[in-house]
């Protein structure tokens, strides 16, 4: 990931603009050209607090040369929107002019020099902040030149801006600056419109005889292929979005309060369709987003989890069947063949949908290493089902829109050793993992004689490994379930590593029997739980007294569980 420098590695004095420009004969007028450039790094941040700097960073990232540049004053939404429309139509960058004397003035001048800008169109004034004089801005369109650079100052009205453009654009009024940003992000560079905020004049002018001599002919750069922009949904980023659209770069807006591209079905789909070789993240919120490089790489695959997007919570709720294929005694999952088990999970999840405020996704939780009474050939009191034997079941469930969790009952071995045996299945985007400390034995313990336990250090080793696997393969966020019905089963639980954005961790309360006891266990295990962990509840068909109905599960189990499992 590359973070563009605020200094832009350029130093240049202020532009000195003076004198009037005489009209040039048409044959002598230059042709202004632009050249775009694909970012060298897959992920580049333009994430400064100052929108002036962000506009500079986007220009530096996407343009190698722009002999024409459009500017607008910082803080003037109306001027910026008109200037943005003009920049998109002309295919050139939009920079923001800071207030007079601001520290970024020299940086704006330096960027103009880097771009070889010979013409600058200043919409709504502000161009004087790039000069050495503090004389008042002219009220009409003017031309000034210094060092072969011409400044054209245009009033911030649709009439004035349209008069400057090669062909007048249709004028589209948008209600507010936030709506303007969305409209700008969708603007077609080859069929642009002149976007304006309310109360500005929207009359289409009659082309004047001097218009053709006011701005030389402009040729667009080739569309920038392979670049994509993620922009915080903040009107302050309007200039950067305009520059991206001018370069024909697709733009997806993400909420400024949650700048995670994985959270949106639409953004994941847009990134997946674009298959970008480089992504530019625009806006200050991206600077504080943990694991952004992974999140963008994963979203760029376009893979959606069941229920949409690539984040598990709070966007969905799971309802699961638990057990082992072909082994009814271990749970309801094994009572039927795969096609019937899929339908049963779908039907069960459907009973929860009217009761849920979010989509309900069916799940299969498959016990893939089964606790055994005998030590077995490897002496670990756990029978491991070969991963390839399970693959047809797992893939059939995934193809039907189910999420799948692989459950480990490791006996006297450790969780990480067993998890690694199923890495090939865990590389599927819809497959998560469950650790069951009840069946994690100390060297001299036996199943059903003692209740097992695991220290948080052992669990965290799986957390780190699974997060790395998810990141390395650019997979959607994975579910990691920790089963527990006694506090002693997970030792030192407050130390659970919650720092990996690749994972959603869930504590699953497995108590059985009478409902008062189950509720007491539920409440006890919530005490001192790690912040941000999700929660699961289990309903037992035979052992619960009585088993809760879906309505009771959703109303009596509080907080409402993110996962409800049936065994």
Protein backbone atom coordinates (compact mmCIF):
# COMPACT_ATOMS: atom_id res chain seq x y z
CA UNK A 1 0.00 0.00 0.00
CA UNK A 2 1.35 3.43 -0.91
CA UNK A 3 0.51 6.59 1.06
CA UNK A 4 1.05 9.62 -1.14
CA UNK A 5 3.19 12.29 0.42
CA UNK A 6 1.61 15.58 1.45
CA UNK A 7 4.65 17.41 0.13
CA UNK A 8 4.31 15.66 -3.24
CA UNK A 9 8.11 15.80 -3.41
CA UNK A 10 7.93 19.06 -5.34
CA UNK A 11 8.93 22.60 -4.46
CA UNK A 12 8.04 25.57 -6.59
CA UNK A 13 7.51 29.26 -6.02
CA UNK A 14 4.19 31.00 -6.51
CA UNK A 15 2.88 31.57 -10.01
CA UNK A 16 3.20 35.17 -11.14
CA UNK A 17 0.29 36.00 -13.41
CA UNK A 18 0.07 39.45 -14.99
CA UNK A 19 -1.10 41.23 -18.09
CA UNK A 20 -3.92 40.59 -20.55
CA UNK A 21 -3.94 37.94 -23.22
CA UNK A 22 -4.74 38.88 -26.74
CA UNK A 23 -6.96 36.60 -28.77
CA UNK A 24 -4.91 34.14 -30.82
CA UNK A 25 -5.76 33.12 -34.38
CA UNK A 26 -7.45 29.74 -34.51
CA UNK A 27 -4.59 28.20 -36.47
CA UNK A 28 -2.06 29.36 -33.83
CA UNK A 29 -3.95 28.12 -30.82
CA UNK A 30 -2.35 25.10 -29.16
CA UNK A 31 -3.97 21.74 -28.59
CA UNK A 32 -4.05 20.92 -24.88
CA UNK A 33 -3.31 17.29 -24.09
CA UNK A 34 -3.52 15.06 -21.04
CA UNK A 35 -1.88 11.76 -20.15
CA UNK A 36 -3.14 9.43 -17.46
CA UNK A 37 -1.05 6.96 -15.47
CA UNK A 38 -1.92 3.72 -13.67
CA UNK A 39 -0.83 3.67 -10.03
CA UNK A 40 2.28 1.59 -9.44
CA UNK A 41 0.95 0.06 -6.22
CA UNK A 42 -2.21 -2.00 -5.85
CA UNK A 43 -3.53 0.24 -3.07
CA UNK A 44 -2.80 3.95 -2.77
CA UNK A 45 -4.21 6.24 -0.08
CA UNK A 46 -5.25 9.85 -0.59
CA UNK A 47 -6.34 10.23 3.01
CA UNK A 48 -5.36 13.67 4.28
CA UNK A 49 -7.60 15.79 6.51
CA UNK A 50 -7.27 18.70 4.04
CA UNK A 51 -9.40 18.36 0.87
CA UNK A 52 -6.91 20.58 -0.97
CA UNK A 53 -4.20 18.00 -0.34
CA UNK A 54 -6.45 15.09 -1.28
CA UNK A 55 -7.23 16.74 -4.62
CA UNK A 56 -3.48 17.09 -5.22
CA UNK A 57 -2.84 13.48 -4.28
CA UNK A 58 -5.46 12.16 -6.69
CA UNK A 59 -4.10 14.31 -9.49
CA UNK A 60 -0.58 13.03 -8.79
CA UNK A 61 -1.79 9.43 -8.72
CA UNK A 62 -3.82 9.46 -11.93
CA UNK A 63 -2.26 12.05 -14.27
CA UNK A 64 1.21 12.19 -15.73
CA UNK A 65 0.46 15.32 -17.73
CA UNK A 66 -2.46 17.77 -18.05
CA UNK A 67 -1.86 20.93 -20.05
CA UNK A 68 -5.29 22.16 -18.92
CA UNK A 69 -6.34 22.07 -15.26
CA UNK A 70 -9.58 23.23 -13.66
CA UNK A 71 -9.61 24.77 -10.18
CA UNK A 72 -12.26 25.87 -7.69
CA UNK A 73 -12.06 27.48 -4.23
CA UNK A 74 -11.96 25.17 -1.23
CA UNK A 75 -15.17 25.36 0.77
CA UNK A 76 -17.33 26.56 -2.13
CA UNK A 77 -19.63 23.61 -2.95
CA UNK A 78 -21.39 25.32 -5.84
CA UNK A 79 -18.18 26.34 -7.59
CA UNK A 80 -16.63 22.92 -7.00
CA UNK A 81 -19.60 21.08 -8.48
CA UNK A 82 -19.63 23.21 -11.62
CA UNK A 83 -15.85 22.92 -11.90
CA UNK A 84 -16.09 19.15 -11.36
CA UNK A 85 -18.58 18.81 -14.21
CA UNK A 86 -16.31 20.84 -16.49
CA UNK A 87 -13.26 18.79 -15.52
CA UNK A 88 -15.05 15.51 -16.25
CA UNK A 89 -16.26 16.83 -19.60
CA UNK A 90 -12.78 18.04 -20.56
CA UNK A 91 -10.99 15.00 -19.15
CA UNK A 92 -8.62 16.99 -16.92
CA UNK A 93 -7.83 17.16 -13.19
CA UNK A 94 -9.69 19.36 -10.72
CA UNK A 95 -7.60 21.04 -8.04
CA UNK A 96 -8.80 23.13 -5.12
CA UNK A 97 -7.37 26.58 -4.51
CA UNK A 98 -6.71 27.27 -0.83
CA UNK A 99 -7.30 30.55 0.94
CA UNK A 100 -4.68 33.23 0.33
CA UNK A 101 -1.47 32.51 2.20
CA UNK A 102 -2.32 28.88 3.03
CA UNK A 103 0.57 26.47 3.38
CA UNK A 104 -0.75 24.35 0.50
CA UNK A 105 -0.60 27.20 -2.05
CA UNK A 106 2.93 26.32 -3.12
CA UNK A 107 1.97 22.64 -3.41
CA UNK A 108 -0.89 23.51 -5.79
CA UNK A 109 1.50 25.59 -7.88
CA UNK A 110 4.02 22.77 -7.87
CA UNK A 111 1.40 20.29 -9.10
CA UNK A 112 0.48 22.64 -11.97
CA UNK A 113 4.14 22.71 -12.95
CA UNK A 114 4.47 18.91 -12.72
CA UNK A 115 1.46 18.53 -14.98
CA UNK A 116 2.91 21.02 -17.52
CA UNK A 117 -0.32 23.01 -17.22
CA UNK A 118 -0.33 25.90 -19.68
CA UNK A 119 -4.00 26.80 -19.07
CA UNK A 120 -5.82 26.98 -15.75
CA UNK A 121 -9.60 27.45 -15.60
CA UNK A 122 -10.60 28.93 -12.24
CA UNK A 123 -14.34 28.48 -11.58
CA UNK A 124 -15.69 30.81 -8.92
CA UNK A 125 -12.40 32.61 -8.29
CA UNK A 126 -9.63 31.51 -6.00
CA UNK A 127 -7.03 31.56 -8.75
CA UNK A 128 -5.50 34.66 -7.21
CA UNK A 129 -4.33 32.53 -4.29
CA UNK A 130 -1.76 31.19 -6.78
CA UNK A 131 -0.42 34.65 -7.59
CA UNK A 132 1.86 37.01 -5.78
CA UNK A 133 -0.72 39.77 -5.73
CA UNK A 134 -3.72 40.34 -3.46
CA UNK A 135 -5.68 42.43 -5.95
CA UNK A 136 -9.43 41.73 -6.19
CA UNK A 137 -10.70 38.91 -8.39
CA UNK A 138 -12.17 40.06 -11.70
CA UNK A 139 -15.92 39.60 -11.95
CA UNK A 140 -15.99 38.33 -15.52
CA UNK A 141 -13.98 35.85 -17.54
CA UNK A 142 -10.40 37.08 -17.94
CA UNK A 143 -7.14 35.75 -19.29
CA UNK A 144 -3.78 36.33 -17.62
CA UNK A 145 -0.42 34.83 -18.50
CA UNK A 146 2.95 34.39 -16.84
CA UNK A 147 5.61 31.95 -17.94
CA UNK A 148 3.38 30.76 -20.82
CA UNK A 149 0.54 29.80 -18.41
CA UNK A 150 -2.89 31.33 -18.90
CA UNK A 151 -5.46 31.75 -16.13
CA UNK A 152 -9.12 31.92 -17.16
CA UNK A 153 -11.40 33.02 -14.32
CA UNK A 154 -15.06 32.01 -14.76
CA UNK A 155 -18.01 32.95 -12.51
CA UNK A 156 -19.61 30.01 -10.70
CA UNK A 157 -22.77 29.90 -12.80
CA UNK A 158 -23.92 27.28 -15.29
CA UNK A 159 -24.16 29.98 -17.98
CA UNK A 160 -20.55 31.07 -17.58
CA UNK A 161 -19.14 27.56 -17.34
CA UNK A 162 -21.14 26.33 -20.32
CA UNK A 163 -19.90 29.29 -22.36
CA UNK A 164 -16.34 28.10 -21.81
CA UNK A 165 -16.86 24.47 -22.79
CA UNK A 166 -16.50 23.24 -26.38
CA UNK A 167 -20.16 22.21 -26.40
CA UNK A 168 -22.74 23.37 -23.81
CA UNK A 169 -23.82 20.63 -21.43
CA UNK A 170 -27.34 19.93 -20.25
CA UNK A 171 -27.79 21.40 -16.79
CA UNK A 172 -28.87 19.05 -13.98
CA UNK A 173 -29.78 20.48 -10.58
CA UNK A 174 -29.06 18.31 -7.54
CA UNK A 175 -30.60 19.01 -4.16
CA UNK A 176 -27.52 18.93 -1.91
CA UNK A 177 -23.77 18.44 -1.80
CA UNK A 178 -24.02 14.77 -0.65
CA UNK A 179 -26.37 14.01 -3.56
CA UNK A 180 -24.01 15.88 -5.84
CA UNK A 181 -21.13 13.60 -4.90
CA UNK A 182 -23.19 10.52 -5.77
CA UNK A 183 -24.28 12.05 -9.08
CA UNK A 184 -20.70 13.01 -9.90
CA UNK A 185 -19.44 9.49 -9.16
CA UNK A 186 -21.86 8.18 -11.80
CA UNK A 187 -21.19 10.89 -14.39
CA UNK A 188 -20.30 9.57 -17.83
CA UNK A 189 -17.14 11.35 -19.03
CA UNK A 190 -18.22 11.06 -22.67
CA UNK A 191 -21.79 12.22 -22.05
CA UNK A 192 -21.35 14.55 -19.11
CA UNK A 193 -23.89 16.93 -17.62
CA UNK A 194 -23.37 20.25 -15.86
CA UNK A 195 -24.29 19.53 -12.25
CA UNK A 196 -25.35 22.48 -10.13
CA UNK A 197 -26.78 23.15 -6.70
CA UNK A 198 -30.10 25.00 -6.21
CA UNK A 199 -30.42 28.75 -6.67
CA UNK A 200 -27.78 29.00 -9.34
CA UNK A 201 -28.88 30.17 -12.78
CA UNK A 202 -29.54 27.18 -15.05
CA UNK A 203 -30.20 28.95 -18.33
CA UNK A 204 -28.33 27.54 -21.30
CA UNK A 205 -26.37 30.35 -22.99
CA UNK A 206 -26.20 31.24 -26.63
CA UNK A 207 -22.63 30.56 -27.71
CA UNK A 208 -20.70 33.79 -27.97
CA UNK A 209 -18.40 34.65 -30.81
CA UNK A 210 -15.43 34.85 -28.44
CA UNK A 211 -15.97 31.50 -26.82
CA UNK A 212 -13.95 29.51 -29.34
CA UNK A 213 -10.90 31.72 -28.67
CA UNK A 214 -11.23 31.57 -24.90
CA UNK A 215 -10.08 27.97 -24.54
CA UNK A 216 -7.86 26.04 -26.93
CA UNK A 217 -8.91 22.71 -28.31
CA UNK A 218 -8.64 19.97 -25.70
CA UNK A 219 -7.97 16.32 -26.45
CA UNK A 220 -8.82 13.76 -23.80
CA UNK A 221 -6.31 11.28 -22.51
CA UNK A 222 -6.98 7.64 -23.16
CA UNK A 223 -9.32 6.21 -20.52
CA UNK A 224 -7.36 4.90 -17.56
CA UNK A 225 -7.94 1.14 -17.62
CA UNK A 226 -7.30 -1.00 -14.56
CA UNK A 227 -7.72 1.70 -11.90
CA UNK A 228 -10.62 1.93 -9.42
CA UNK A 229 -11.47 4.52 -6.78
CA UNK A 230 -13.05 3.96 -3.39
CA UNK A 231 -14.18 7.32 -2.05
CA UNK A 232 -15.54 8.20 1.38
CA UNK A 233 -19.11 9.45 0.99
CA UNK A 234 -18.14 12.97 2.02
CA UNK A 235 -18.73 16.08 -0.13
CA UNK A 236 -15.22 17.26 0.80
CA UNK A 237 -13.88 14.59 -1.60
CA UNK A 238 -15.72 16.02 -4.60
CA UNK A 239 -12.57 17.26 -6.36
CA UNK A 240 -10.82 13.90 -6.13
CA UNK A 241 -13.89 12.07 -7.45
CA UNK A 242 -14.08 14.52 -10.35
CA UNK A 243 -10.46 13.87 -11.30
CA UNK A 244 -11.08 10.12 -11.21
CA UNK A 245 -14.14 10.36 -13.46
CA UNK A 246 -12.26 12.70 -15.80
CA UNK A 247 -9.74 9.88 -16.21
CA UNK A 248 -12.63 7.40 -16.78
CA UNK A 249 -11.88 5.68 -13.46
CA UNK A 250 -14.90 3.94 -11.90
CA UNK A 251 -15.81 5.25 -8.44
CA UNK A 252 -17.65 3.50 -5.61
CA UNK A 253 -18.71 5.50 -2.55
CA UNK A 254 -18.40 3.93 0.89
CA UNK A 255 -19.85 5.33 4.14
CA UNK A 256 -17.41 7.67 5.86
CA UNK A 257 -18.36 6.13 9.21
CA UNK A 258 -17.62 2.60 7.98
CA UNK A 259 -15.14 2.77 5.12
CA UNK A 260 -14.93 -0.99 4.64
CA UNK A 261 -15.56 -2.08 1.04
CA UNK A 262 -16.42 -5.61 2.23
CA UNK A 263 -19.54 -4.35 4.00
CA UNK A 264 -21.44 -3.50 0.81
CA UNK A 265 -22.84 -6.01 -1.66
CA UNK A 266 -22.83 -3.29 -4.31
CA UNK A 267 -19.22 -2.21 -3.72
CA UNK A 268 -17.98 -5.82 -3.77
CA UNK A 269 -19.86 -6.39 -7.03
CA UNK A 270 -18.45 -3.19 -8.57
CA UNK A 271 -14.88 -4.04 -7.58
CA UNK A 272 -15.30 -7.60 -8.80
CA UNK A 273 -16.63 -6.43 -12.16
CA UNK A 274 -13.78 -3.95 -12.58
CA UNK A 275 -11.01 -6.46 -11.69
CA UNK A 276 -8.69 -3.53 -10.96
CA UNK A 277 -4.94 -3.67 -11.01
CA UNK A 278 -4.80 -0.60 -8.78
CA UNK A 279 -7.19 0.96 -6.26
CA UNK A 280 -7.11 4.53 -4.98
CA UNK A 281 -8.78 5.09 -1.58
CA UNK A 282 -9.89 8.71 -1.16
CA UNK A 283 -10.79 10.29 2.16
CA UNK A 284 -9.44 10.61 5.69
CA UNK A 285 -11.49 7.68 7.13
CA UNK A 286 -9.42 5.19 5.11
CA UNK A 287 -6.29 6.17 7.04
CA UNK A 288 -7.71 4.65 10.23
CA UNK A 289 -9.33 1.55 8.68
CA UNK A 290 -7.47 -1.55 9.99
CA UNK A 291 -6.42 -4.14 7.46
CA UNK A 292 -7.48 -1.99 4.51
CA UNK A 293 -5.12 -3.69 2.07
CA UNK A 294 -6.65 -7.11 2.85
CA UNK A 295 -10.19 -5.74 2.73
CA UNK A 296 -9.68 -4.18 -0.70
CA UNK A 297 -7.96 -7.27 -2.11
CA UNK A 298 -10.75 -9.50 -0.85
CA UNK A 299 -13.51 -7.21 -2.11
CA UNK A 300 -11.80 -7.01 -5.51
CA UNK A 301 -12.38 -10.73 -6.00
CA UNK A 302 -16.11 -9.97 -6.23
CA UNK A 303 -16.92 -13.09 -4.18
CA UNK A 304 -20.06 -12.68 -2.07
CA UNK A 305 -20.87 -14.55 1.12
CA UNK A 306 -24.29 -16.18 1.43
CA UNK A 307 -26.52 -13.21 2.13
CA UNK A 308 -24.30 -10.75 0.23
CA UNK A 309 -21.16 -8.74 0.95
CA UNK A 310 -18.07 -10.07 2.64
CA UNK A 311 -18.69 -9.20 6.30
CA UNK A 312 -20.56 -11.66 8.49
CA UNK A 313 -22.05 -9.42 11.16
CA UNK A 314 -24.23 -7.51 11.76
CA UNK A 315 -25.55 -8.05 8.25
CA UNK A 316 -26.97 -11.56 8.72
CA UNK A 317 -28.08 -14.23 11.20
CA UNK A 318 -27.31 -17.96 10.86
CA UNK A 319 -29.48 -20.98 11.64
CA UNK A 320 -27.52 -24.23 11.59
CA UNK A 321 -27.90 -28.00 11.64
CA UNK A 322 -25.14 -29.70 13.65
CA UNK A 323 -23.63 -33.15 13.25
CA UNK A 324 -21.60 -35.45 11.02
CA UNK A 325 -22.74 -36.75 7.60
CA UNK A 326 -24.00 -40.31 7.81
CA UNK A 327 -23.89 -40.46 11.63
CA UNK A 328 -27.35 -39.69 13.08
CA UNK A 329 -26.24 -40.23 16.68
CA UNK A 330 -24.00 -37.15 16.50
CA UNK A 331 -26.72 -34.73 15.47
CA UNK A 332 -29.54 -33.95 13.09
CA UNK A 333 -27.17 -33.07 10.26
CA UNK A 334 -26.33 -36.75 9.86
CA UNK A 335 -29.90 -38.00 9.75
CA UNK A 336 -30.36 -37.38 6.03
CA UNK A 337 -28.30 -37.33 2.80
CA UNK A 338 -26.80 -34.05 1.72
CA UNK A 339 -29.62 -32.85 -0.56
CA UNK A 340 -32.24 -33.44 2.12
CA UNK A 341 -30.02 -31.91 4.82
CA UNK A 342 -29.67 -28.79 2.69
CA UNK A 343 -33.43 -28.46 2.28
CA UNK A 344 -33.97 -29.06 5.99
CA UNK A 345 -31.51 -26.27 6.90
CA UNK A 346 -33.17 -23.91 4.40
CA UNK A 347 -36.62 -24.64 5.76
CA UNK A 348 -35.49 -24.16 9.34
CA UNK A 349 -33.82 -20.85 8.50
CA UNK A 350 -37.00 -19.72 6.73
CA UNK A 351 -38.97 -20.06 9.98
CA UNK A 352 -36.67 -17.46 11.53
CA UNK A 353 -36.80 -14.92 8.71
CA UNK A 354 -40.14 -13.30 9.72
CA UNK A 355 -38.74 -12.92 13.23
CA UNK A 356 -35.40 -11.41 12.23
CA UNK A 357 -34.41 -7.84 11.45
CA UNK A 358 -31.68 -9.09 9.11
CA UNK A 359 -31.32 -11.83 6.49
CA UNK A 360 -31.24 -15.37 7.90
CA UNK A 361 -28.71 -17.70 6.25
CA UNK A 362 -28.90 -21.51 6.60
CA UNK A 363 -25.76 -23.26 7.82
CA UNK A 364 -24.29 -26.72 8.23
CA UNK A 365 -21.87 -27.18 11.14
CA UNK A 366 -20.03 -30.42 10.40
CA UNK A 367 -18.08 -32.28 13.07
CA UNK A 368 -14.99 -33.19 11.05
CA UNK A 369 -12.84 -34.54 13.89
CA UNK A 370 -14.95 -36.67 16.22
CA UNK A 371 -14.09 -37.31 19.85
CA UNK A 372 -13.65 -41.06 20.38
CA UNK A 373 -13.61 -43.40 23.36
CA UNK A 374 -10.48 -45.15 22.10
CA UNK A 375 -7.07 -43.62 21.54
CA UNK A 376 -6.98 -44.63 17.86
CA UNK A 377 -3.88 -45.29 15.74
CA UNK A 378 -2.43 -41.85 16.47
CA UNK A 379 -3.28 -41.96 20.16
CA UNK A 380 -5.15 -38.66 20.21
CA UNK A 381 -8.68 -39.90 21.02
CA UNK A 382 -10.03 -38.10 17.95
CA UNK A 383 -11.14 -39.55 14.62
CA UNK A 384 -10.33 -37.23 11.71
CA UNK A 385 -12.55 -37.50 8.63
CA UNK A 386 -10.42 -36.94 5.50
CA UNK A 387 -11.00 -33.53 3.98
CA UNK A 388 -11.56 -34.88 0.47
CA UNK A 389 -14.22 -37.24 1.80
CA UNK A 390 -16.10 -34.21 3.11
CA UNK A 391 -15.59 -31.99 0.07
CA UNK A 392 -18.65 -33.15 -1.97
CA UNK A 393 -20.94 -32.41 1.00
CA UNK A 394 -19.30 -29.03 1.68
CA UNK A 395 -19.40 -27.93 -1.95
CA UNK A 396 -23.02 -29.02 -2.38
CA UNK A 397 -24.03 -26.96 0.64
CA UNK A 398 -22.06 -23.95 -0.60
CA UNK A 399 -23.60 -24.19 -4.06
CA UNK A 400 -27.06 -24.13 -2.45
CA UNK A 401 -26.27 -20.87 -0.61
CA UNK A 402 -25.42 -22.37 2.78
CA UNK A 403 -22.54 -21.35 5.00
CA UNK A 404 -20.48 -24.27 6.30
CA UNK A 405 -18.51 -24.53 9.55
CA UNK A 406 -16.00 -27.32 10.25
CA UNK A 407 -16.07 -28.36 13.90
CA UNK A 408 -12.99 -29.76 15.67
CA UNK A 409 -13.08 -32.14 18.64
CA UNK A 410 -9.31 -32.68 18.96
CA UNK A 411 -8.91 -35.00 21.92
CA UNK A 412 -5.28 -35.00 23.06
CA UNK A 413 -3.89 -33.16 20.04
CA UNK A 414 -4.14 -29.39 19.62
CA UNK A 415 -6.61 -27.34 17.63
CA UNK A 416 -4.07 -25.85 15.21
CA UNK A 417 -2.69 -29.25 14.18
CA UNK A 418 -6.18 -30.44 13.29
CA UNK A 419 -7.27 -27.17 11.64
CA UNK A 420 -4.32 -27.29 9.26
CA UNK A 421 -5.53 -30.66 7.94
CA UNK A 422 -8.60 -28.87 6.54
CA UNK A 423 -6.83 -25.88 4.99
CA UNK A 424 -8.02 -26.88 1.51
CA UNK A 425 -11.66 -26.71 2.58
CA UNK A 426 -11.11 -23.52 4.57
CA UNK A 427 -9.84 -21.88 1.39
CA UNK A 428 -13.44 -21.99 0.13
CA UNK A 429 -15.02 -18.57 0.77
CA UNK A 430 -18.14 -19.92 2.48
CA UNK A 431 -16.37 -22.23 4.97
CA UNK A 432 -15.57 -21.28 8.58
CA UNK A 433 -14.15 -23.11 11.59
CA UNK A 434 -15.37 -24.13 15.07
CA UNK A 435 -13.28 -25.12 18.09
CA UNK A 436 -14.90 -27.28 20.77
CA UNK A 437 -12.85 -27.13 24.00
CA UNK A 438 -15.19 -29.65 25.68
CA UNK A 439 -13.33 -32.30 23.66
CA UNK A 440 -9.79 -30.90 24.11
CA UNK A 441 -8.15 -33.31 26.56
CA UNK A 442 -5.09 -33.00 28.74
CA UNK A 443 -2.58 -35.91 28.43
CA UNK A 444 -4.23 -38.13 31.05
CA UNK A 445 -7.87 -37.18 30.48
CA UNK A 446 -10.58 -39.23 28.78
CA UNK A 447 -13.77 -38.16 27.00
CA UNK A 448 -16.95 -38.33 29.11
CA UNK A 449 -14.78 -38.75 32.23
CA UNK A 450 -13.53 -35.17 32.28
CA UNK A 451 -14.77 -32.06 30.46
CA UNK A 452 -11.93 -30.69 28.36
CA UNK A 453 -10.60 -27.15 28.15
CA UNK A 454 -8.20 -25.01 26.17
CA UNK A 455 -6.06 -22.04 27.09
CA UNK A 456 -6.54 -18.86 25.15
CA UNK A 457 -2.97 -19.07 23.84
CA UNK A 458 -3.82 -22.26 21.94
CA UNK A 459 -7.02 -20.71 20.60
CA UNK A 460 -5.17 -17.55 19.56
CA UNK A 461 -2.71 -19.65 17.57
CA UNK A 462 -5.67 -20.80 15.46
CA UNK A 463 -6.97 -17.24 15.26
CA UNK A 464 -3.64 -16.03 13.82
CA UNK A 465 -3.33 -18.95 11.41
CA UNK A 466 -6.87 -18.69 10.10
CA UNK A 467 -6.59 -14.91 9.70
CA UNK A 468 -3.38 -15.35 7.70
CA UNK A 469 -4.98 -18.00 5.49
CA UNK A 470 -7.94 -15.70 4.85
CA UNK A 471 -5.70 -12.76 4.00
CA UNK A 472 -3.27 -14.75 1.86
CA UNK A 473 -6.11 -16.03 -0.31
CA UNK A 474 -8.06 -12.73 -0.29
CA UNK A 475 -11.14 -14.50 1.08
CA UNK A 476 -14.25 -12.92 2.57
CA UNK A 477 -14.31 -12.61 6.34
CA UNK A 478 -14.40 -16.04 8.03
CA UNK A 479 -16.44 -17.21 10.99
CA UNK A 480 -14.54 -18.74 13.91
CA UNK A 481 -16.88 -20.34 16.47
CA UNK A 482 -15.75 -21.10 20.03
CA UNK A 483 -18.03 -23.56 21.83
CA UNK A 484 -18.46 -23.09 25.58
CA UNK A 485 -20.89 -24.03 28.35
CA UNK A 486 -18.58 -23.61 31.36
CA UNK A 487 -16.29 -20.72 32.19
CA UNK A 488 -13.43 -23.17 32.76
CA UNK A 489 -13.60 -24.50 29.20
CA UNK A 490 -11.79 -21.44 27.79
CA UNK A 491 -9.04 -20.43 30.18
CA UNK A 492 -7.92 -16.77 30.21
CA UNK A 493 -10.76 -15.90 27.81
CA UNK A 494 -10.33 -12.09 28.17
CA UNK A 495 -7.10 -12.51 26.18
CA UNK A 496 -8.95 -13.63 23.04
CA UNK A 497 -7.30 -11.93 20.06
CA UNK A 498 -9.97 -9.76 18.47
CA UNK A 499 -7.59 -7.72 16.31
CA UNK A 500 -7.93 -9.59 13.00
CA UNK A 501 -10.44 -8.03 10.57
CA UNK A 502 -10.28 -11.24 8.51
CA UNK A 503 -12.30 -13.06 11.17
CA UNK A 504 -15.63 -12.77 12.96
CA UNK A 505 -15.34 -14.51 16.32
CA UNK A 506 -18.43 -16.03 17.91
CA UNK A 507 -18.93 -17.56 21.37
CA UNK A 508 -21.43 -20.39 21.12
CA UNK A 509 -23.23 -21.31 24.35
CA UNK A 510 -23.87 -25.06 24.27
CA UNK A 511 -25.77 -25.64 27.50
CA UNK A 512 -28.58 -28.19 27.47
CA UNK A 513 -31.43 -29.19 29.78
CA UNK A 514 -33.97 -26.98 31.53
CA UNK A 515 -34.46 -23.46 30.26
CA UNK A 516 -33.70 -21.72 33.60
CA UNK A 517 -30.30 -23.43 33.69
CA UNK A 518 -29.63 -22.63 30.05
CA UNK A 519 -30.50 -18.97 30.58
CA UNK A 520 -28.25 -18.85 33.64
CA UNK A 521 -25.35 -20.27 31.61
CA UNK A 522 -26.06 -17.75 28.83
CA UNK A 523 -25.92 -14.85 31.31
CA UNK A 524 -22.82 -16.14 33.09
CA UNK A 525 -20.81 -16.53 29.91
CA UNK A 526 -21.69 -13.02 28.80
CA UNK A 527 -19.90 -11.59 31.82
CA UNK A 528 -16.49 -10.13 30.90
CA UNK A 529 -16.79 -11.37 27.32
CA UNK A 530 -14.41 -9.78 24.78
CA UNK A 531 -15.89 -6.67 23.22
CA UNK A 532 -17.20 -7.19 19.70
CA UNK A 533 -17.65 -10.95 19.88
CA UNK A 534 -20.81 -12.43 18.32
CA UNK A 535 -23.04 -14.95 20.11
CA UNK A 536 -24.56 -18.34 19.37
CA UNK A 537 -27.29 -20.40 21.09
CA UNK A 538 -27.99 -24.12 20.76
CA UNK A 539 -31.38 -25.83 20.79
CA UNK A 540 -31.32 -29.58 21.56
CA UNK A 541 -34.20 -31.61 20.14
CA UNK A 542 -34.01 -34.36 22.76
CA UNK A 543 -32.16 -32.93 25.76
CA UNK A 544 -33.79 -29.50 26.23
CA UNK A 545 -36.71 -29.30 28.65
CA UNK A 546 -38.50 -27.97 26.68
CA UNK A 547 -36.77 -26.91 23.47
CA UNK A 548 -37.53 -23.29 22.57
CA UNK A 549 -39.56 -22.52 19.46
CA UNK A 550 -38.08 -20.08 16.93
CA UNK A 551 -40.34 -17.35 18.36
CA UNK A 552 -39.18 -18.09 21.90
CA UNK A 553 -35.54 -18.26 20.84
CA UNK A 554 -35.77 -14.81 19.27
CA UNK A 555 -37.64 -13.18 22.16
CA UNK A 556 -36.41 -14.93 25.32
CA UNK A 557 -32.70 -15.27 24.52
CA UNK A 558 -31.27 -11.80 25.00
CA UNK A 559 -29.27 -10.37 23.43
CA UNK A 560 -30.72 -12.08 20.38
CA UNK A 561 -28.16 -14.64 19.10
CA UNK A 562 -26.33 -14.22 15.82
CA UNK A 563 -26.29 -17.99 15.34
CA UNK A 564 -28.91 -20.56 16.40
CA UNK A 565 -27.80 -24.19 16.13
CA UNK A 566 -29.92 -27.33 16.28
CA UNK A 567 -28.58 -30.66 17.53
